[in-house]
Amino acid sequence: MELYKMTACETAEEIRKGAVSSEEVTRSVLDRMSGVEPVLNSYITTVPEYAIKRAREIDSKRKKGE
């Protein structure tokens, strides 16, 4: 299953189990967005660099048990 297709609950569980990282999920969603956005034209602004940065910060905190 593609990560972007998972529900929020499924995603949270996979992250909690350590099966995937926040960064992996974020990149999957960003890749999907970039593929469909030219057709949908649904976003005014996207900030993928910030999203990846935050995902890395979250992964780092999880590794520390925070």
N, C-alpha and C. Protein backbone atom coordinates (compact mmCIF):
# COMPACT_ATOMS: atom_id res chain seq x y z
N MET A 1 0.84 -1.19 0.00
CA MET A 1 0.00 0.00 0.00
C MET A 1 0.88 1.25 0.00
N GLU A 2 0.50 2.20 -0.79
CA GLU A 2 1.21 3.48 -0.79
C GLU A 2 0.92 4.19 0.53
N LEU A 3 1.93 4.80 1.10
CA LEU A 3 1.77 5.45 2.40
C LEU A 3 0.70 6.54 2.36
N TYR A 4 0.61 7.28 1.27
CA TYR A 4 -0.36 8.37 1.20
C TYR A 4 -1.80 7.87 1.18
N LYS A 5 -2.00 6.58 0.94
CA LYS A 5 -3.35 6.01 0.90
C LYS A 5 -3.84 5.58 2.28
N MET A 6 -2.96 5.55 3.28
CA MET A 6 -3.35 5.11 4.62
C MET A 6 -4.19 6.18 5.31
N THR A 7 -5.08 5.73 6.17
CA THR A 7 -5.85 6.67 6.99
C THR A 7 -4.93 7.27 8.04
N ALA A 8 -5.39 8.30 8.71
CA ALA A 8 -4.60 8.92 9.78
C ALA A 8 -4.33 7.91 10.89
N CYS A 9 -5.32 7.10 11.23
CA CYS A 9 -5.15 6.09 12.29
C CYS A 9 -4.13 5.03 11.87
N GLU A 10 -4.21 4.57 10.64
CA GLU A 10 -3.25 3.59 10.14
C GLU A 10 -1.84 4.17 10.13
N THR A 11 -1.73 5.41 9.69
CA THR A 11 -0.43 6.07 9.63
C THR A 11 0.17 6.19 11.02
N ALA A 12 -0.63 6.65 11.97
CA ALA A 12 -0.16 6.80 13.34
C ALA A 12 0.32 5.48 13.91
N GLU A 13 -0.42 4.42 13.65
CA GLU A 13 -0.05 3.09 14.16
C GLU A 13 1.27 2.61 13.54
N GLU A 14 1.42 2.79 12.25
CA GLU A 14 2.66 2.38 11.58
C GLU A 14 3.86 3.17 12.10
N ILE A 15 3.66 4.45 12.34
CA ILE A 15 4.75 5.28 12.90
C ILE A 15 5.04 4.82 14.32
N ARG A 16 4.00 4.59 15.11
CA ARG A 16 4.17 4.14 16.50
C ARG A 16 4.93 2.82 16.56
N LYS A 17 4.64 1.90 15.63
CA LYS A 17 5.32 0.60 15.59
C LYS A 17 6.75 0.73 15.06
N GLY A 18 7.06 1.84 14.43
CA GLY A 18 8.39 2.01 13.84
C GLY A 18 8.50 1.41 12.45
N ALA A 19 7.36 1.04 11.86
CA ALA A 19 7.37 0.46 10.51
C ALA A 19 7.69 1.51 9.45
N VAL A 20 7.31 2.74 9.71
CA VAL A 20 7.61 3.87 8.82
C VAL A 20 7.97 5.08 9.68
N SER A 21 8.61 6.04 9.06
CA SER A 21 8.94 7.27 9.77
C SER A 21 8.01 8.40 9.31
N SER A 22 7.95 9.43 10.09
CA SER A 22 7.18 10.61 9.71
C SER A 22 7.69 11.18 8.39
N GLU A 23 9.00 11.16 8.23
CA GLU A 23 9.58 11.69 6.99
C GLU A 23 9.14 10.85 5.78
N GLU A 24 9.11 9.54 5.93
CA GLU A 24 8.68 8.68 4.81
C GLU A 24 7.24 8.98 4.41
N VAL A 25 6.38 9.12 5.41
CA VAL A 25 4.98 9.42 5.13
C VAL A 25 4.86 10.80 4.47
N THR A 26 5.58 11.76 5.01
CA THR A 26 5.53 13.12 4.46
C THR A 26 5.99 13.13 3.01
N ARG A 27 7.07 12.46 2.73
CA ARG A 27 7.57 12.42 1.35
C ARG A 27 6.57 11.72 0.41
N SER A 28 5.92 10.69 0.90
CA SER A 28 4.92 10.00 0.09
C SER A 28 3.76 10.94 -0.26
N VAL A 29 3.29 11.67 0.73
CA VAL A 29 2.19 12.61 0.49
C VAL A 29 2.63 13.73 -0.44
N LEU A 30 3.83 14.25 -0.23
CA LEU A 30 4.33 15.32 -1.10
C LEU A 30 4.49 14.84 -2.53
N ASP A 31 4.98 13.62 -2.71
CA ASP A 31 5.12 13.07 -4.06
C ASP A 31 3.75 12.95 -4.73
N ARG A 32 2.78 12.48 -3.98
CA ARG A 32 1.42 12.35 -4.53
C ARG A 32 0.87 13.73 -4.89
N MET A 33 1.07 14.69 -4.00
CA MET A 33 0.60 16.05 -4.27
C MET A 33 1.19 16.59 -5.56
N SER A 34 2.49 16.41 -5.73
CA SER A 34 3.14 16.95 -6.93
C SER A 34 2.64 16.27 -8.19
N GLY A 35 2.19 15.04 -8.06
CA GLY A 35 1.67 14.32 -9.22
C GLY A 35 0.27 14.74 -9.62
N VAL A 36 -0.57 15.09 -8.66
CA VAL A 36 -1.96 15.42 -8.97
C VAL A 36 -2.25 16.92 -8.96
N GLU A 37 -1.40 17.69 -8.35
CA GLU A 37 -1.67 19.12 -8.23
C GLU A 37 -1.83 19.84 -9.57
N PRO A 38 -1.03 19.52 -10.59
CA PRO A 38 -1.24 20.21 -11.87
C PRO A 38 -2.65 20.01 -12.44
N VAL A 39 -3.26 18.89 -12.14
CA VAL A 39 -4.61 18.60 -12.63
C VAL A 39 -5.67 19.23 -11.72
N LEU A 40 -5.47 19.08 -10.40
CA LEU A 40 -6.47 19.56 -9.45
C LEU A 40 -6.39 21.06 -9.20
N ASN A 41 -5.17 21.59 -9.18
CA ASN A 41 -4.96 23.00 -8.89
C ASN A 41 -5.69 23.40 -7.59
N SER A 42 -5.42 22.66 -6.53
CA SER A 42 -6.16 22.84 -5.28
C SER A 42 -5.39 23.54 -4.17
N TYR A 43 -4.11 23.76 -4.36
CA TYR A 43 -3.30 24.40 -3.32
C TYR A 43 -2.85 25.78 -3.78
N ILE A 44 -2.94 26.73 -2.88
CA ILE A 44 -2.42 28.06 -3.18
C ILE A 44 -0.92 28.08 -2.92
N THR A 45 -0.53 27.52 -1.77
CA THR A 45 0.88 27.50 -1.38
C THR A 45 1.22 26.15 -0.79
N THR A 46 2.37 25.63 -1.16
CA THR A 46 2.90 24.44 -0.51
C THR A 46 4.31 24.75 -0.04
N VAL A 47 4.69 24.14 1.04
CA VAL A 47 6.03 24.35 1.60
C VAL A 47 6.65 22.99 1.93
N PRO A 48 7.01 22.24 0.91
CA PRO A 48 7.53 20.89 1.15
C PRO A 48 8.80 20.86 1.99
N GLU A 49 9.65 21.85 1.85
CA GLU A 49 10.88 21.88 2.64
C GLU A 49 10.56 21.95 4.13
N TYR A 50 9.58 22.77 4.48
CA TYR A 50 9.18 22.91 5.87
C TYR A 50 8.54 21.60 6.37
N ALA A 51 7.71 20.99 5.54
CA ALA A 51 7.06 19.74 5.93
C ALA A 51 8.09 18.65 6.23
N ILE A 52 9.09 18.55 5.38
CA ILE A 52 10.14 17.53 5.59
C ILE A 52 10.95 17.87 6.84
N LYS A 53 11.26 19.14 7.03
CA LYS A 53 12.00 19.56 8.22
C LYS A 53 11.24 19.18 9.49
N ARG A 54 9.93 19.46 9.52
CA ARG A 54 9.11 19.14 10.69
C ARG A 54 9.02 17.63 10.90
N ALA A 55 8.90 16.88 9.82
CA ALA A 55 8.84 15.42 9.93
C ALA A 55 10.13 14.89 10.54
N ARG A 56 11.26 15.42 10.12
CA ARG A 56 12.55 15.00 10.69
C ARG A 56 12.63 15.34 12.17
N GLU A 57 12.13 16.53 12.54
CA GLU A 57 12.14 16.93 13.95
C GLU A 57 11.28 15.97 14.77
N ILE A 58 10.13 15.61 14.24
CA ILE A 58 9.23 14.68 14.94
C ILE A 58 9.89 13.31 15.07
N ASP A 59 10.52 12.83 14.00
CA ASP A 59 11.22 11.54 14.08
C ASP A 59 12.33 11.58 15.12
N SER A 60 13.05 12.67 15.17
CA SER A 60 14.13 12.82 16.14
C SER A 60 13.59 12.78 17.57
N LYS A 61 12.50 13.49 17.82
CA LYS A 61 11.90 13.50 19.16
C LYS A 61 11.38 12.12 19.53
N ARG A 62 10.79 11.41 18.58
CA ARG A 62 10.29 10.06 18.87
C ARG A 62 11.43 9.13 19.25
N LYS A 63 12.56 9.26 18.56
CA LYS A 63 13.72 8.41 18.89
C LYS A 63 14.22 8.67 20.30
N LYS A 64 14.04 9.90 20.77
CA LYS A 64 14.48 10.27 22.11
C LYS A 64 13.42 9.94 23.16
N GLY A 65 12.27 9.45 22.70
CA GLY A 65 11.19 9.10 23.63
C GLY A 65 10.34 10.27 24.04
N GLU A 66 10.42 11.35 23.32
CA GLU A 66 9.61 12.54 23.65
C GLU A 66 8.24 12.44 23.01
